[in-house]
Amino acid sequence: MVLCDKGALRRDGGQLLLAEGGGKFAPLQGGSDAAGERAEAQMYREFLQDVRERKPSPLRPEVALEPSKIA
């Protein structure tokens, strides 16, 4: 299960379920058109794809920390 402040993502059998906010889990459809999908769902999809492929995130921790250093 992946939790964040905007929702949660859970695997149930072979299906991915997404709960946004305090809502109930609903199936996350695979292979949908990214242009019409919400940004959070796309973020979860890309994260899980990277985990499945054991591919490191393109955003390194050093790069992610830069905005906080500037602030």
C-alpha atoms as a PDB file:
ATOM      1  CA  MET A   1       0.000   0.000   0.000  1.00  0.00           C
ATOM      2  CA  VAL A   2       1.195   3.506  -0.840  1.00  0.00           C
ATOM      3  CA  LEU A   3      -0.149   6.334   1.329  1.00  0.00           C
ATOM      4  CA  CYS A   4       0.092  10.082   0.839  1.00  0.00           C
ATOM      5  CA  ASP A   5      -1.747  13.173   2.018  1.00  0.00           C
ATOM      6  CA  LYS A   6      -4.113  13.103  -0.990  1.00  0.00           C
ATOM      7  CA  GLY A   7      -5.032   9.434  -1.006  1.00  0.00           C
ATOM      8  CA  ALA A   8      -3.878   5.840  -1.028  1.00  0.00           C
ATOM      9  CA  LEU A   9      -3.024   3.175  -3.561  1.00  0.00           C
ATOM     10  CA  ARG A  10      -3.516  -0.506  -2.770  1.00  0.00           C
ATOM     11  CA  ARG A  11      -2.982  -3.753  -4.646  1.00  0.00           C
ATOM     12  CA  ASP A  12      -5.739  -6.318  -4.285  1.00  0.00           C
ATOM     13  CA  GLY A  13      -4.901  -9.491  -6.150  1.00  0.00           C
ATOM     14  CA  GLY A  14      -3.930  -8.374  -9.646  1.00  0.00           C
ATOM     15  CA  GLN A  15      -5.854  -5.102  -9.476  1.00  0.00           C
ATOM     16  CA  LEU A  16      -4.749  -1.630  -8.358  1.00  0.00           C
ATOM     17  CA  LEU A  17      -7.199   0.330  -6.230  1.00  0.00           C
ATOM     18  CA  LEU A  18      -7.028   4.096  -5.684  1.00  0.00           C
ATOM     19  CA  ALA A  19      -8.731   6.038  -2.882  1.00  0.00           C
ATOM     20  CA  GLU A  20      -8.599   9.805  -3.198  1.00  0.00           C
ATOM     21  CA  GLY A  21      -9.048  11.852  -0.035  1.00  0.00           C
ATOM     22  CA  GLY A  22     -11.194   9.953   2.424  1.00  0.00           C
ATOM     23  CA  GLY A  23     -13.080   8.118  -0.322  1.00  0.00           C
ATOM     24  CA  LYS A  24     -13.457   4.427  -0.934  1.00  0.00           C
ATOM     25  CA  PHE A  25     -11.029   2.401  -3.006  1.00  0.00           C
ATOM     26  CA  ALA A  26     -11.949   2.159  -6.682  1.00  0.00           C
ATOM     27  CA  PRO A  27     -10.132   0.323  -9.487  1.00  0.00           C
ATOM     28  CA  LEU A  28      -7.316   2.250 -11.156  1.00  0.00           C
ATOM     29  CA  GLN A  29      -7.593   1.529 -14.855  1.00  0.00           C
ATOM     30  CA  GLY A  30      -4.370   0.530 -16.574  1.00  0.00           C
ATOM     31  CA  GLY A  31      -3.248   1.843 -19.911  1.00  0.00           C
ATOM     32  CA  SER A  32      -5.562   4.843 -19.958  1.00  0.00           C
ATOM     33  CA  ASP A  33      -4.843   8.008 -21.880  1.00  0.00           C
ATOM     34  CA  ALA A  34      -2.615  10.116 -19.633  1.00  0.00           C
ATOM     35  CA  ALA A  35      -3.986  13.387 -21.081  1.00  0.00           C
ATOM     36  CA  GLY A  36      -7.424  12.773 -19.561  1.00  0.00           C
ATOM     37  CA  GLU A  37      -6.323  11.381 -16.232  1.00  0.00           C
ATOM     38  CA  ARG A  38      -5.823  13.256 -12.984  1.00  0.00           C
ATOM     39  CA  ALA A  39      -2.278  14.227 -12.067  1.00  0.00           C
ATOM     40  CA  GLU A  40      -2.305  12.166  -8.845  1.00  0.00           C
ATOM     41  CA  ALA A  41      -3.381   9.002 -10.652  1.00  0.00           C
ATOM     42  CA  GLN A  42      -0.690   9.531 -13.270  1.00  0.00           C
ATOM     43  CA  MET A  43       1.917  10.054 -10.522  1.00  0.00           C
ATOM     44  CA  TYR A  44       0.923   6.769  -8.836  1.00  0.00           C
ATOM     45  CA  ARG A  45       0.971   4.936 -12.170  1.00  0.00           C
ATOM     46  CA  GLU A  46       4.468   6.195 -13.035  1.00  0.00           C
ATOM     47  CA  PHE A  47       5.762   5.396  -9.537  1.00  0.00           C
ATOM     48  CA  LEU A  48       4.474   1.818  -9.676  1.00  0.00           C
ATOM     49  CA  GLN A  49       5.843   1.341 -13.193  1.00  0.00           C
ATOM     50  CA  ASP A  50       9.303   2.407 -11.969  1.00  0.00           C
ATOM     51  CA  VAL A  51       9.045   0.012  -9.009  1.00  0.00           C
ATOM     52  CA  ARG A  52       7.961  -2.865 -11.265  1.00  0.00           C
ATOM     53  CA  GLU A  53      10.842  -2.238 -13.669  1.00  0.00           C
ATOM     54  CA  ARG A  54      13.281  -1.571 -10.806  1.00  0.00           C
ATOM     55  CA  LYS A  55      14.129   1.691 -12.508  1.00  0.00           C
ATOM     56  CA  PRO A  56      15.454   4.557 -10.373  1.00  0.00           C
ATOM     57  CA  SER A  57      13.360   7.700 -10.246  1.00  0.00           C
ATOM     58  CA  PRO A  58      14.444  10.379 -12.722  1.00  0.00           C
ATOM     59  CA  LEU A  59      14.185  12.872  -9.858  1.00  0.00           C
ATOM     60  CA  ARG A  60      17.217  12.377  -7.645  1.00  0.00           C
ATOM     61  CA  PRO A  61      16.946  13.365  -3.948  1.00  0.00           C
ATOM     62  CA  GLU A  62      19.493  16.157  -4.477  1.00  0.00           C
ATOM     63  CA  VAL A  63      17.321  17.697  -7.191  1.00  0.00           C
ATOM     64  CA  ALA A  64      14.160  17.343  -5.107  1.00  0.00           C
ATOM     65  CA  LEU A  65      15.784  19.191  -2.176  1.00  0.00           C
ATOM     66  CA  GLU A  66      16.967  22.185  -4.227  1.00  0.00           C
ATOM     67  CA  PRO A  67      13.709  24.201  -4.005  1.00  0.00           C
ATOM     68  CA  SER A  68      13.715  23.956  -0.199  1.00  0.00           C
ATOM     69  CA  LYS A  69      17.333  25.131  -0.097  1.00  0.00           C
ATOM     70  CA  ILE A  70      16.472  28.119  -2.280  1.00  0.00           C
ATOM     71  CA  ALA A  71      13.491  29.022  -0.089  1.00  0.00           C
END
